Amino acid sequence: GLYKRYGAVLTVREISFRIRRGEV
């Protein structure tokens, strides 16, 4: 659930993922 805000600007929202061994 990553969000990044700069002041009033939301640059990324609700970023979720996972990487296991052997995955690209």
PDBML (XML) file of the C-alpha atoms, coordinates in Angstrom:
<?xml version="1.0" encoding="UTF-8" ?>
<PDBx:datablock datablockName="MODEL"
   xmlns:PDBx="http://pdbml.pdb.org/schema/pdbx-v50.xsd"
   xmlns:xsi="http://www.w3.org/2001/XMLSchema-instance"
   xsi:schemaLocation="http://pdbml.pdb.org/schema/pdbx-v50.xsd pdbx-v50.xsd">
   <PDBx:atom_siteCategory>
      <PDBx:atom_site id="1">
         <PDBx:B_iso_or_equiv>0.00</PDBx:B_iso_or_equiv>
         <PDBx:Cartn_x>0.000</PDBx:Cartn_x>
         <PDBx:Cartn_y>0.000</PDBx:Cartn_y>
         <PDBx:Cartn_z>0.000</PDBx:Cartn_z>
         <PDBx:auth_asym_id>A</PDBx:auth_asym_id>
         <PDBx:auth_atom_id>CA</PDBx:auth_atom_id>
         <PDBx:auth_comp_id>GLY</PDBx:auth_comp_id>
         <PDBx:auth_seq_id>1</PDBx:auth_seq_id>
         <PDBx:group_PDB>ATOM</PDBx:group_PDB>
         <PDBx:label_alt_id xsi:nil="true" />
         <PDBx:label_asym_id>A</PDBx:label_asym_id>
         <PDBx:label_atom_id>CA</PDBx:label_atom_id>
         <PDBx:label_comp_id>GLY</PDBx:label_comp_id>
         <PDBx:label_entity_id>1</PDBx:label_entity_id>
         <PDBx:label_seq_id>1</PDBx:label_seq_id>
         <PDBx:occupancy>1.00</PDBx:occupancy>
         <PDBx:pdbx_PDB_model_num>1</PDBx:pdbx_PDB_model_num>
         <PDBx:type_symbol>C</PDBx:type_symbol>
      </PDBx:atom_site>
      <PDBx:atom_site id="2">
         <PDBx:B_iso_or_equiv>0.00</PDBx:B_iso_or_equiv>
         <PDBx:Cartn_x>2.641</PDBx:Cartn_x>
         <PDBx:Cartn_y>2.559</PDBx:Cartn_y>
         <PDBx:Cartn_z>-0.941</PDBx:Cartn_z>
         <PDBx:auth_asym_id>A</PDBx:auth_asym_id>
         <PDBx:auth_atom_id>CA</PDBx:auth_atom_id>
         <PDBx:auth_comp_id>LEU</PDBx:auth_comp_id>
         <PDBx:auth_seq_id>2</PDBx:auth_seq_id>
         <PDBx:group_PDB>ATOM</PDBx:group_PDB>
         <PDBx:label_alt_id xsi:nil="true" />
         <PDBx:label_asym_id>A</PDBx:label_asym_id>
         <PDBx:label_atom_id>CA</PDBx:label_atom_id>
         <PDBx:label_comp_id>LEU</PDBx:label_comp_id>
         <PDBx:label_entity_id>1</PDBx:label_entity_id>
         <PDBx:label_seq_id>2</PDBx:label_seq_id>
         <PDBx:occupancy>1.00</PDBx:occupancy>
         <PDBx:pdbx_PDB_model_num>1</PDBx:pdbx_PDB_model_num>
         <PDBx:type_symbol>C</PDBx:type_symbol>
      </PDBx:atom_site>
      <PDBx:atom_site id="3">
         <PDBx:B_iso_or_equiv>0.00</PDBx:B_iso_or_equiv>
         <PDBx:Cartn_x>1.617</PDBx:Cartn_x>
         <PDBx:Cartn_y>6.184</PDBx:Cartn_y>
         <PDBx:Cartn_z>-1.353</PDBx:Cartn_z>
         <PDBx:auth_asym_id>A</PDBx:auth_asym_id>
         <PDBx:auth_atom_id>CA</PDBx:auth_atom_id>
         <PDBx:auth_comp_id>TYR</PDBx:auth_comp_id>
         <PDBx:auth_seq_id>3</PDBx:auth_seq_id>
         <PDBx:group_PDB>ATOM</PDBx:group_PDB>
         <PDBx:label_alt_id xsi:nil="true" />
         <PDBx:label_asym_id>A</PDBx:label_asym_id>
         <PDBx:label_atom_id>CA</PDBx:label_atom_id>
         <PDBx:label_comp_id>TYR</PDBx:label_comp_id>
         <PDBx:label_entity_id>1</PDBx:label_entity_id>
         <PDBx:label_seq_id>3</PDBx:label_seq_id>
         <PDBx:occupancy>1.00</PDBx:occupancy>
         <PDBx:pdbx_PDB_model_num>1</PDBx:pdbx_PDB_model_num>
         <PDBx:type_symbol>C</PDBx:type_symbol>
      </PDBx:atom_site>
      <PDBx:atom_site id="4">
         <PDBx:B_iso_or_equiv>0.00</PDBx:B_iso_or_equiv>
         <PDBx:Cartn_x>3.834</PDBx:Cartn_x>
         <PDBx:Cartn_y>9.172</PDBx:Cartn_y>
         <PDBx:Cartn_z>-2.032</PDBx:Cartn_z>
         <PDBx:auth_asym_id>A</PDBx:auth_asym_id>
         <PDBx:auth_atom_id>CA</PDBx:auth_atom_id>
         <PDBx:auth_comp_id>LYS</PDBx:auth_comp_id>
         <PDBx:auth_seq_id>4</PDBx:auth_seq_id>
         <PDBx:group_PDB>ATOM</PDBx:group_PDB>
         <PDBx:label_alt_id xsi:nil="true" />
         <PDBx:label_asym_id>A</PDBx:label_asym_id>
         <PDBx:label_atom_id>CA</PDBx:label_atom_id>
         <PDBx:label_comp_id>LYS</PDBx:label_comp_id>
         <PDBx:label_entity_id>1</PDBx:label_entity_id>
         <PDBx:label_seq_id>4</PDBx:label_seq_id>
         <PDBx:occupancy>1.00</PDBx:occupancy>
         <PDBx:pdbx_PDB_model_num>1</PDBx:pdbx_PDB_model_num>
         <PDBx:type_symbol>C</PDBx:type_symbol>
      </PDBx:atom_site>
      <PDBx:atom_site id="5">
         <PDBx:B_iso_or_equiv>0.00</PDBx:B_iso_or_equiv>
         <PDBx:Cartn_x>2.633</PDBx:Cartn_x>
         <PDBx:Cartn_y>12.726</PDBx:Cartn_y>
         <PDBx:Cartn_z>-1.747</PDBx:Cartn_z>
         <PDBx:auth_asym_id>A</PDBx:auth_asym_id>
         <PDBx:auth_atom_id>CA</PDBx:auth_atom_id>
         <PDBx:auth_comp_id>ARG</PDBx:auth_comp_id>
         <PDBx:auth_seq_id>5</PDBx:auth_seq_id>
         <PDBx:group_PDB>ATOM</PDBx:group_PDB>
         <PDBx:label_alt_id xsi:nil="true" />
         <PDBx:label_asym_id>A</PDBx:label_asym_id>
         <PDBx:label_atom_id>CA</PDBx:label_atom_id>
         <PDBx:label_comp_id>ARG</PDBx:label_comp_id>
         <PDBx:label_entity_id>1</PDBx:label_entity_id>
         <PDBx:label_seq_id>5</PDBx:label_seq_id>
         <PDBx:occupancy>1.00</PDBx:occupancy>
         <PDBx:pdbx_PDB_model_num>1</PDBx:pdbx_PDB_model_num>
         <PDBx:type_symbol>C</PDBx:type_symbol>
      </PDBx:atom_site>
      <PDBx:atom_site id="6">
         <PDBx:B_iso_or_equiv>0.00</PDBx:B_iso_or_equiv>
         <PDBx:Cartn_x>4.531</PDBx:Cartn_x>
         <PDBx:Cartn_y>15.947</PDBx:Cartn_y>
         <PDBx:Cartn_z>-2.432</PDBx:Cartn_z>
         <PDBx:auth_asym_id>A</PDBx:auth_asym_id>
         <PDBx:auth_atom_id>CA</PDBx:auth_atom_id>
         <PDBx:auth_comp_id>TYR</PDBx:auth_comp_id>
         <PDBx:auth_seq_id>6</PDBx:auth_seq_id>
         <PDBx:group_PDB>ATOM</PDBx:group_PDB>
         <PDBx:label_alt_id xsi:nil="true" />
         <PDBx:label_asym_id>A</PDBx:label_asym_id>
         <PDBx:label_atom_id>CA</PDBx:label_atom_id>
         <PDBx:label_comp_id>TYR</PDBx:label_comp_id>
         <PDBx:label_entity_id>1</PDBx:label_entity_id>
         <PDBx:label_seq_id>6</PDBx:label_seq_id>
         <PDBx:occupancy>1.00</PDBx:occupancy>
         <PDBx:pdbx_PDB_model_num>1</PDBx:pdbx_PDB_model_num>
         <PDBx:type_symbol>C</PDBx:type_symbol>
      </PDBx:atom_site>
      <PDBx:atom_site id="7">
         <PDBx:B_iso_or_equiv>0.00</PDBx:B_iso_or_equiv>
         <PDBx:Cartn_x>2.441</PDBx:Cartn_x>
         <PDBx:Cartn_y>18.689</PDBx:Cartn_y>
         <PDBx:Cartn_z>-0.853</PDBx:Cartn_z>
         <PDBx:auth_asym_id>A</PDBx:auth_asym_id>
         <PDBx:auth_atom_id>CA</PDBx:auth_atom_id>
         <PDBx:auth_comp_id>GLY</PDBx:auth_comp_id>
         <PDBx:auth_seq_id>7</PDBx:auth_seq_id>
         <PDBx:group_PDB>ATOM</PDBx:group_PDB>
         <PDBx:label_alt_id xsi:nil="true" />
         <PDBx:label_asym_id>A</PDBx:label_asym_id>
         <PDBx:label_atom_id>CA</PDBx:label_atom_id>
         <PDBx:label_comp_id>GLY</PDBx:label_comp_id>
         <PDBx:label_entity_id>1</PDBx:label_entity_id>
         <PDBx:label_seq_id>7</PDBx:label_seq_id>
         <PDBx:occupancy>1.00</PDBx:occupancy>
         <PDBx:pdbx_PDB_model_num>1</PDBx:pdbx_PDB_model_num>
         <PDBx:type_symbol>C</PDBx:type_symbol>
      </PDBx:atom_site>
      <PDBx:atom_site id="8">
         <PDBx:B_iso_or_equiv>0.00</PDBx:B_iso_or_equiv>
         <PDBx:Cartn_x>-0.985</PDBx:Cartn_x>
         <PDBx:Cartn_y>18.464</PDBx:Cartn_y>
         <PDBx:Cartn_z>-2.475</PDBx:Cartn_z>
         <PDBx:auth_asym_id>A</PDBx:auth_asym_id>
         <PDBx:auth_atom_id>CA</PDBx:auth_atom_id>
         <PDBx:auth_comp_id>ALA</PDBx:auth_comp_id>
         <PDBx:auth_seq_id>8</PDBx:auth_seq_id>
         <PDBx:group_PDB>ATOM</PDBx:group_PDB>
         <PDBx:label_alt_id xsi:nil="true" />
         <PDBx:label_asym_id>A</PDBx:label_asym_id>
         <PDBx:label_atom_id>CA</PDBx:label_atom_id>
         <PDBx:label_comp_id>ALA</PDBx:label_comp_id>
         <PDBx:label_entity_id>1</PDBx:label_entity_id>
         <PDBx:label_seq_id>8</PDBx:label_seq_id>
         <PDBx:occupancy>1.00</PDBx:occupancy>
         <PDBx:pdbx_PDB_model_num>1</PDBx:pdbx_PDB_model_num>
         <PDBx:type_symbol>C</PDBx:type_symbol>
      </PDBx:atom_site>
      <PDBx:atom_site id="9">
         <PDBx:B_iso_or_equiv>0.00</PDBx:B_iso_or_equiv>
         <PDBx:Cartn_x>0.271</PDBx:Cartn_x>
         <PDBx:Cartn_y>16.265</PDBx:Cartn_y>
         <PDBx:Cartn_z>-5.333</PDBx:Cartn_z>
         <PDBx:auth_asym_id>A</PDBx:auth_asym_id>
         <PDBx:auth_atom_id>CA</PDBx:auth_atom_id>
         <PDBx:auth_comp_id>VAL</PDBx:auth_comp_id>
         <PDBx:auth_seq_id>9</PDBx:auth_seq_id>
         <PDBx:group_PDB>ATOM</PDBx:group_PDB>
         <PDBx:label_alt_id xsi:nil="true" />
         <PDBx:label_asym_id>A</PDBx:label_asym_id>
         <PDBx:label_atom_id>CA</PDBx:label_atom_id>
         <PDBx:label_comp_id>VAL</PDBx:label_comp_id>
         <PDBx:label_entity_id>1</PDBx:label_entity_id>
         <PDBx:label_seq_id>9</PDBx:label_seq_id>
         <PDBx:occupancy>1.00</PDBx:occupancy>
         <PDBx:pdbx_PDB_model_num>1</PDBx:pdbx_PDB_model_num>
         <PDBx:type_symbol>C</PDBx:type_symbol>
      </PDBx:atom_site>
      <PDBx:atom_site id="10">
         <PDBx:B_iso_or_equiv>0.00</PDBx:B_iso_or_equiv>
         <PDBx:Cartn_x>-0.172</PDBx:Cartn_x>
         <PDBx:Cartn_y>12.509</PDBx:Cartn_y>
         <PDBx:Cartn_z>-4.998</PDBx:Cartn_z>
         <PDBx:auth_asym_id>A</PDBx:auth_asym_id>
         <PDBx:auth_atom_id>CA</PDBx:auth_atom_id>
         <PDBx:auth_comp_id>LEU</PDBx:auth_comp_id>
         <PDBx:auth_seq_id>10</PDBx:auth_seq_id>
         <PDBx:group_PDB>ATOM</PDBx:group_PDB>
         <PDBx:label_alt_id xsi:nil="true" />
         <PDBx:label_asym_id>A</PDBx:label_asym_id>
         <PDBx:label_atom_id>CA</PDBx:label_atom_id>
         <PDBx:label_comp_id>LEU</PDBx:label_comp_id>
         <PDBx:label_entity_id>1</PDBx:label_entity_id>
         <PDBx:label_seq_id>10</PDBx:label_seq_id>
         <PDBx:occupancy>1.00</PDBx:occupancy>
         <PDBx:pdbx_PDB_model_num>1</PDBx:pdbx_PDB_model_num>
         <PDBx:type_symbol>C</PDBx:type_symbol>
      </PDBx:atom_site>
      <PDBx:atom_site id="11">
         <PDBx:B_iso_or_equiv>0.00</PDBx:B_iso_or_equiv>
         <PDBx:Cartn_x>2.436</PDBx:Cartn_x>
         <PDBx:Cartn_y>10.936</PDBx:Cartn_y>
         <PDBx:Cartn_z>-7.303</PDBx:Cartn_z>
         <PDBx:auth_asym_id>A</PDBx:auth_asym_id>
         <PDBx:auth_atom_id>CA</PDBx:auth_atom_id>
         <PDBx:auth_comp_id>THR</PDBx:auth_comp_id>
         <PDBx:auth_seq_id>11</PDBx:auth_seq_id>
         <PDBx:group_PDB>ATOM</PDBx:group_PDB>
         <PDBx:label_alt_id xsi:nil="true" />
         <PDBx:label_asym_id>A</PDBx:label_asym_id>
         <PDBx:label_atom_id>CA</PDBx:label_atom_id>
         <PDBx:label_comp_id>THR</PDBx:label_comp_id>
         <PDBx:label_entity_id>1</PDBx:label_entity_id>
         <PDBx:label_seq_id>11</PDBx:label_seq_id>
         <PDBx:occupancy>1.00</PDBx:occupancy>
         <PDBx:pdbx_PDB_model_num>1</PDBx:pdbx_PDB_model_num>
         <PDBx:type_symbol>C</PDBx:type_symbol>
      </PDBx:atom_site>
      <PDBx:atom_site id="12">
         <PDBx:B_iso_or_equiv>0.00</PDBx:B_iso_or_equiv>
         <PDBx:Cartn_x>1.799</PDBx:Cartn_x>
         <PDBx:Cartn_y>7.239</PDBx:Cartn_y>
         <PDBx:Cartn_z>-6.553</PDBx:Cartn_z>
         <PDBx:auth_asym_id>A</PDBx:auth_asym_id>
         <PDBx:auth_atom_id>CA</PDBx:auth_atom_id>
         <PDBx:auth_comp_id>VAL</PDBx:auth_comp_id>
         <PDBx:auth_seq_id>12</PDBx:auth_seq_id>
         <PDBx:group_PDB>ATOM</PDBx:group_PDB>
         <PDBx:label_alt_id xsi:nil="true" />
         <PDBx:label_asym_id>A</PDBx:label_asym_id>
         <PDBx:label_atom_id>CA</PDBx:label_atom_id>
         <PDBx:label_comp_id>VAL</PDBx:label_comp_id>
         <PDBx:label_entity_id>1</PDBx:label_entity_id>
         <PDBx:label_seq_id>12</PDBx:label_seq_id>
         <PDBx:occupancy>1.00</PDBx:occupancy>
         <PDBx:pdbx_PDB_model_num>1</PDBx:pdbx_PDB_model_num>
         <PDBx:type_symbol>C</PDBx:type_symbol>
      </PDBx:atom_site>
      <PDBx:atom_site id="13">
         <PDBx:B_iso_or_equiv>0.00</PDBx:B_iso_or_equiv>
         <PDBx:Cartn_x>-1.052</PDBx:Cartn_x>
         <PDBx:Cartn_y>5.523</PDBx:Cartn_y>
         <PDBx:Cartn_z>-4.731</PDBx:Cartn_z>
         <PDBx:auth_asym_id>A</PDBx:auth_asym_id>
         <PDBx:auth_atom_id>CA</PDBx:auth_atom_id>
         <PDBx:auth_comp_id>ARG</PDBx:auth_comp_id>
         <PDBx:auth_seq_id>13</PDBx:auth_seq_id>
         <PDBx:group_PDB>ATOM</PDBx:group_PDB>
         <PDBx:label_alt_id xsi:nil="true" />
         <PDBx:label_asym_id>A</PDBx:label_asym_id>
         <PDBx:label_atom_id>CA</PDBx:label_atom_id>
         <PDBx:label_comp_id>ARG</PDBx:label_comp_id>
         <PDBx:label_entity_id>1</PDBx:label_entity_id>
         <PDBx:label_seq_id>13</PDBx:label_seq_id>
         <PDBx:occupancy>1.00</PDBx:occupancy>
         <PDBx:pdbx_PDB_model_num>1</PDBx:pdbx_PDB_model_num>
         <PDBx:type_symbol>C</PDBx:type_symbol>
      </PDBx:atom_site>
      <PDBx:atom_site id="14">
         <PDBx:B_iso_or_equiv>0.00</PDBx:B_iso_or_equiv>
         <PDBx:Cartn_x>-1.925</PDBx:Cartn_x>
         <PDBx:Cartn_y>2.053</PDBx:Cartn_y>
         <PDBx:Cartn_z>-3.456</PDBx:Cartn_z>
         <PDBx:auth_asym_id>A</PDBx:auth_asym_id>
         <PDBx:auth_atom_id>CA</PDBx:auth_atom_id>
         <PDBx:auth_comp_id>GLU</PDBx:auth_comp_id>
         <PDBx:auth_seq_id>14</PDBx:auth_seq_id>
         <PDBx:group_PDB>ATOM</PDBx:group_PDB>
         <PDBx:label_alt_id xsi:nil="true" />
         <PDBx:label_asym_id>A</PDBx:label_asym_id>
         <PDBx:label_atom_id>CA</PDBx:label_atom_id>
         <PDBx:label_comp_id>GLU</PDBx:label_comp_id>
         <PDBx:label_entity_id>1</PDBx:label_entity_id>
         <PDBx:label_seq_id>14</PDBx:label_seq_id>
         <PDBx:occupancy>1.00</PDBx:occupancy>
         <PDBx:pdbx_PDB_model_num>1</PDBx:pdbx_PDB_model_num>
         <PDBx:type_symbol>C</PDBx:type_symbol>
      </PDBx:atom_site>
      <PDBx:atom_site id="15">
         <PDBx:B_iso_or_equiv>0.00</PDBx:B_iso_or_equiv>
         <PDBx:Cartn_x>1.126</PDBx:Cartn_x>
         <PDBx:Cartn_y>0.307</PDBx:Cartn_y>
         <PDBx:Cartn_z>-4.881</PDBx:Cartn_z>
         <PDBx:auth_asym_id>A</PDBx:auth_asym_id>
         <PDBx:auth_atom_id>CA</PDBx:auth_atom_id>
         <PDBx:auth_comp_id>ILE</PDBx:auth_comp_id>
         <PDBx:auth_seq_id>15</PDBx:auth_seq_id>
         <PDBx:group_PDB>ATOM</PDBx:group_PDB>
         <PDBx:label_alt_id xsi:nil="true" />
         <PDBx:label_asym_id>A</PDBx:label_asym_id>
         <PDBx:label_atom_id>CA</PDBx:label_atom_id>
         <PDBx:label_comp_id>ILE</PDBx:label_comp_id>
         <PDBx:label_entity_id>1</PDBx:label_entity_id>
         <PDBx:label_seq_id>15</PDBx:label_seq_id>
         <PDBx:occupancy>1.00</PDBx:occupancy>
         <PDBx:pdbx_PDB_model_num>1</PDBx:pdbx_PDB_model_num>
         <PDBx:type_symbol>C</PDBx:type_symbol>
      </PDBx:atom_site>
      <PDBx:atom_site id="16">
         <PDBx:B_iso_or_equiv>0.00</PDBx:B_iso_or_equiv>
         <PDBx:Cartn_x>1.426</PDBx:Cartn_x>
         <PDBx:Cartn_y>-3.291</PDBx:Cartn_y>
         <PDBx:Cartn_z>-3.694</PDBx:Cartn_z>
         <PDBx:auth_asym_id>A</PDBx:auth_asym_id>
         <PDBx:auth_atom_id>CA</PDBx:auth_atom_id>
         <PDBx:auth_comp_id>SER</PDBx:auth_comp_id>
         <PDBx:auth_seq_id>16</PDBx:auth_seq_id>
         <PDBx:group_PDB>ATOM</PDBx:group_PDB>
         <PDBx:label_alt_id xsi:nil="true" />
         <PDBx:label_asym_id>A</PDBx:label_asym_id>
         <PDBx:label_atom_id>CA</PDBx:label_atom_id>
         <PDBx:label_comp_id>SER</PDBx:label_comp_id>
         <PDBx:label_entity_id>1</PDBx:label_entity_id>
         <PDBx:label_seq_id>16</PDBx:label_seq_id>
         <PDBx:occupancy>1.00</PDBx:occupancy>
         <PDBx:pdbx_PDB_model_num>1</PDBx:pdbx_PDB_model_num>
         <PDBx:type_symbol>C</PDBx:type_symbol>
      </PDBx:atom_site>
      <PDBx:atom_site id="17">
         <PDBx:B_iso_or_equiv>0.00</PDBx:B_iso_or_equiv>
         <PDBx:Cartn_x>3.478</PDBx:Cartn_x>
         <PDBx:Cartn_y>-6.175</PDBx:Cartn_y>
         <PDBx:Cartn_z>-5.067</PDBx:Cartn_z>
         <PDBx:auth_asym_id>A</PDBx:auth_asym_id>
         <PDBx:auth_atom_id>CA</PDBx:auth_atom_id>
         <PDBx:auth_comp_id>PHE</PDBx:auth_comp_id>
         <PDBx:auth_seq_id>17</PDBx:auth_seq_id>
         <PDBx:group_PDB>ATOM</PDBx:group_PDB>
         <PDBx:label_alt_id xsi:nil="true" />
         <PDBx:label_asym_id>A</PDBx:label_asym_id>
         <PDBx:label_atom_id>CA</PDBx:label_atom_id>
         <PDBx:label_comp_id>PHE</PDBx:label_comp_id>
         <PDBx:label_entity_id>1</PDBx:label_entity_id>
         <PDBx:label_seq_id>17</PDBx:label_seq_id>
         <PDBx:occupancy>1.00</PDBx:occupancy>
         <PDBx:pdbx_PDB_model_num>1</PDBx:pdbx_PDB_model_num>
         <PDBx:type_symbol>C</PDBx:type_symbol>
      </PDBx:atom_site>
      <PDBx:atom_site id="18">
         <PDBx:B_iso_or_equiv>0.00</PDBx:B_iso_or_equiv>
         <PDBx:Cartn_x>5.770</PDBx:Cartn_x>
         <PDBx:Cartn_y>-8.997</PDBx:Cartn_y>
         <PDBx:Cartn_z>-3.954</PDBx:Cartn_z>
         <PDBx:auth_asym_id>A</PDBx:auth_asym_id>
         <PDBx:auth_atom_id>CA</PDBx:auth_atom_id>
         <PDBx:auth_comp_id>ARG</PDBx:auth_comp_id>
         <PDBx:auth_seq_id>18</PDBx:auth_seq_id>
         <PDBx:group_PDB>ATOM</PDBx:group_PDB>
         <PDBx:label_alt_id xsi:nil="true" />
         <PDBx:label_asym_id>A</PDBx:label_asym_id>
         <PDBx:label_atom_id>CA</PDBx:label_atom_id>
         <PDBx:label_comp_id>ARG</PDBx:label_comp_id>
         <PDBx:label_entity_id>1</PDBx:label_entity_id>
         <PDBx:label_seq_id>18</PDBx:label_seq_id>
         <PDBx:occupancy>1.00</PDBx:occupancy>
         <PDBx:pdbx_PDB_model_num>1</PDBx:pdbx_PDB_model_num>
         <PDBx:type_symbol>C</PDBx:type_symbol>
      </PDBx:atom_site>
      <PDBx:atom_site id="19">
         <PDBx:B_iso_or_equiv>0.00</PDBx:B_iso_or_equiv>
         <PDBx:Cartn_x>8.821</PDBx:Cartn_x>
         <PDBx:Cartn_y>-10.643</PDBx:Cartn_y>
         <PDBx:Cartn_z>-5.491</PDBx:Cartn_z>
         <PDBx:auth_asym_id>A</PDBx:auth_asym_id>
         <PDBx:auth_atom_id>CA</PDBx:auth_atom_id>
         <PDBx:auth_comp_id>ILE</PDBx:auth_comp_id>
         <PDBx:auth_seq_id>19</PDBx:auth_seq_id>
         <PDBx:group_PDB>ATOM</PDBx:group_PDB>
         <PDBx:label_alt_id xsi:nil="true" />
         <PDBx:label_asym_id>A</PDBx:label_asym_id>
         <PDBx:label_atom_id>CA</PDBx:label_atom_id>
         <PDBx:label_comp_id>ILE</PDBx:label_comp_id>
         <PDBx:label_entity_id>1</PDBx:label_entity_id>
         <PDBx:label_seq_id>19</PDBx:label_seq_id>
         <PDBx:occupancy>1.00</PDBx:occupancy>
         <PDBx:pdbx_PDB_model_num>1</PDBx:pdbx_PDB_model_num>
         <PDBx:type_symbol>C</PDBx:type_symbol>
      </PDBx:atom_site>
      <PDBx:atom_site id="20">
         <PDBx:B_iso_or_equiv>0.00</PDBx:B_iso_or_equiv>
         <PDBx:Cartn_x>9.913</PDBx:Cartn_x>
         <PDBx:Cartn_y>-14.130</PDBx:Cartn_y>
         <PDBx:Cartn_z>-4.491</PDBx:Cartn_z>
         <PDBx:auth_asym_id>A</PDBx:auth_asym_id>
         <PDBx:auth_atom_id>CA</PDBx:auth_atom_id>
         <PDBx:auth_comp_id>ARG</PDBx:auth_comp_id>
         <PDBx:auth_seq_id>20</PDBx:auth_seq_id>
         <PDBx:group_PDB>ATOM</PDBx:group_PDB>
         <PDBx:label_alt_id xsi:nil="true" />
         <PDBx:label_asym_id>A</PDBx:label_asym_id>
         <PDBx:label_atom_id>CA</PDBx:label_atom_id>
         <PDBx:label_comp_id>ARG</PDBx:label_comp_id>
         <PDBx:label_entity_id>1</PDBx:label_entity_id>
         <PDBx:label_seq_id>20</PDBx:label_seq_id>
         <PDBx:occupancy>1.00</PDBx:occupancy>
         <PDBx:pdbx_PDB_model_num>1</PDBx:pdbx_PDB_model_num>
         <PDBx:type_symbol>C</PDBx:type_symbol>
      </PDBx:atom_site>
      <PDBx:atom_site id="21">
         <PDBx:B_iso_or_equiv>0.00</PDBx:B_iso_or_equiv>
         <PDBx:Cartn_x>13.177</PDBx:Cartn_x>
         <PDBx:Cartn_y>-15.926</PDBx:Cartn_y>
         <PDBx:Cartn_z>-5.207</PDBx:Cartn_z>
         <PDBx:auth_asym_id>A</PDBx:auth_asym_id>
         <PDBx:auth_atom_id>CA</PDBx:auth_atom_id>
         <PDBx:auth_comp_id>ARG</PDBx:auth_comp_id>
         <PDBx:auth_seq_id>21</PDBx:auth_seq_id>
         <PDBx:group_PDB>ATOM</PDBx:group_PDB>
         <PDBx:label_alt_id xsi:nil="true" />
         <PDBx:label_asym_id>A</PDBx:label_asym_id>
         <PDBx:label_atom_id>CA</PDBx:label_atom_id>
         <PDBx:label_comp_id>ARG</PDBx:label_comp_id>
         <PDBx:label_entity_id>1</PDBx:label_entity_id>
         <PDBx:label_seq_id>21</PDBx:label_seq_id>
         <PDBx:occupancy>1.00</PDBx:occupancy>
         <PDBx:pdbx_PDB_model_num>1</PDBx:pdbx_PDB_model_num>
         <PDBx:type_symbol>C</PDBx:type_symbol>
      </PDBx:atom_site>
      <PDBx:atom_site id="22">
         <PDBx:B_iso_or_equiv>0.00</PDBx:B_iso_or_equiv>
         <PDBx:Cartn_x>13.548</PDBx:Cartn_x>
         <PDBx:Cartn_y>-16.613</PDBx:Cartn_y>
         <PDBx:Cartn_z>-8.907</PDBx:Cartn_z>
         <PDBx:auth_asym_id>A</PDBx:auth_asym_id>
         <PDBx:auth_atom_id>CA</PDBx:auth_atom_id>
         <PDBx:auth_comp_id>GLY</PDBx:auth_comp_id>
         <PDBx:auth_seq_id>22</PDBx:auth_seq_id>
         <PDBx:group_PDB>ATOM</PDBx:group_PDB>
         <PDBx:label_alt_id xsi:nil="true" />
         <PDBx:label_asym_id>A</PDBx:label_asym_id>
         <PDBx:label_atom_id>CA</PDBx:label_atom_id>
         <PDBx:label_comp_id>GLY</PDBx:label_comp_id>
         <PDBx:label_entity_id>1</PDBx:label_entity_id>
         <PDBx:label_seq_id>22</PDBx:label_seq_id>
         <PDBx:occupancy>1.00</PDBx:occupancy>
         <PDBx:pdbx_PDB_model_num>1</PDBx:pdbx_PDB_model_num>
         <PDBx:type_symbol>C</PDBx:type_symbol>
      </PDBx:atom_site>
      <PDBx:atom_site id="23">
         <PDBx:B_iso_or_equiv>0.00</PDBx:B_iso_or_equiv>
         <PDBx:Cartn_x>10.989</PDBx:Cartn_x>
         <PDBx:Cartn_y>-14.006</PDBx:Cartn_y>
         <PDBx:Cartn_z>-9.975</PDBx:Cartn_z>
         <PDBx:auth_asym_id>A</PDBx:auth_asym_id>
         <PDBx:auth_atom_id>CA</PDBx:auth_atom_id>
         <PDBx:auth_comp_id>GLU</PDBx:auth_comp_id>
         <PDBx:auth_seq_id>23</PDBx:auth_seq_id>
         <PDBx:group_PDB>ATOM</PDBx:group_PDB>
         <PDBx:label_alt_id xsi:nil="true" />
         <PDBx:label_asym_id>A</PDBx:label_asym_id>
         <PDBx:label_atom_id>CA</PDBx:label_atom_id>
         <PDBx:label_comp_id>GLU</PDBx:label_comp_id>
         <PDBx:label_entity_id>1</PDBx:label_entity_id>
         <PDBx:label_seq_id>23</PDBx:label_seq_id>
         <PDBx:occupancy>1.00</PDBx:occupancy>
         <PDBx:pdbx_PDB_model_num>1</PDBx:pdbx_PDB_model_num>
         <PDBx:type_symbol>C</PDBx:type_symbol>
      </PDBx:atom_site>
      <PDBx:atom_site id="24">
         <PDBx:B_iso_or_equiv>0.00</PDBx:B_iso_or_equiv>
         <PDBx:Cartn_x>11.510</PDBx:Cartn_x>
         <PDBx:Cartn_y>-10.974</PDBx:Cartn_y>
         <PDBx:Cartn_z>-12.211</PDBx:Cartn_z>
         <PDBx:auth_asym_id>A</PDBx:auth_asym_id>
         <PDBx:auth_atom_id>CA</PDBx:auth_atom_id>
         <PDBx:auth_comp_id>VAL</PDBx:auth_comp_id>
         <PDBx:auth_seq_id>24</PDBx:auth_seq_id>
         <PDBx:group_PDB>ATOM</PDBx:group_PDB>
         <PDBx:label_alt_id xsi:nil="true" />
         <PDBx:label_asym_id>A</PDBx:label_asym_id>
         <PDBx:label_atom_id>CA</PDBx:label_atom_id>
         <PDBx:label_comp_id>VAL</PDBx:label_comp_id>
         <PDBx:label_entity_id>1</PDBx:label_entity_id>
         <PDBx:label_seq_id>24</PDBx:label_seq_id>
         <PDBx:occupancy>1.00</PDBx:occupancy>
         <PDBx:pdbx_PDB_model_num>1</PDBx:pdbx_PDB_model_num>
         <PDBx:type_symbol>C</PDBx:type_symbol>
      </PDBx:atom_site>
   </PDBx:atom_siteCategory>
</PDBx:datablock>
